[in-house]
Amino acid sequence: MKSTLMNSRFLVLTVMILLAALSRLLTNELHLWNFTPIAAIALFGAAHFSDKRMAFLIPAVAMLITDAIIGFHPGMWDVYLTLLLITFMGFSLRNNIKVVPIVAVSLLSSLLFFTITNFAVWMGSGYYPLDWSGLTTCFAAGIPFFGNTVAGDLFYCGVLFGGYELICKLRPDLAKVV
């Protein structure tokens, strides 16, 4: 019985993360730059998978699948590093899955994503001089995208965490961590 519950829970969590990741195909097509589920799938996986390895693996595999469809790009490593760090942040939600902590960690993850990816662009793109002026110009250029990052992170956290809560109300056996 425990194995069946674990497999059902694991399957539901995995499918939810994969579906959220696949939504990148739609947002990419609509050109909603940075409105993505990246942080949300990391936070959601970390908060719900009982096996920490799966909390890292499932979101990363979901991202790889969608990146294979969208196309690989030089900044992928920065995004995957950020996904890894956001997963660590998501472990703080494990016994505290409530609206305020989810929103707070989601906002922090948006800021982390913005900081790491813009710093990486500054360092590696060749678009900006490698001095204080170049760094501030690079970060300023990223500001218009930051709103979509925050909106996407909050939206997808709402969909994933809220959707899972709804599923658990319909199937209480899935809420139990085994």
Foldseek 3Di string as FASTA:
>chain_A
DVVVLLVVLVVVLLVLLLVQLLCCVVCVVVVLFQLGCLLLLLLLLLQPNPDLVCSLPSNVVSNVVVCVVVDDDPLVVLSSVLSVVSNVLSVVCNVPPDDVSLLVSLLVSLVSSLVSSLVCCLPPVPPFDPDPVRSVVSSVVCVVSSVSNSVSSVVSNCCSSVVVVVVCVVVVSSVDDD
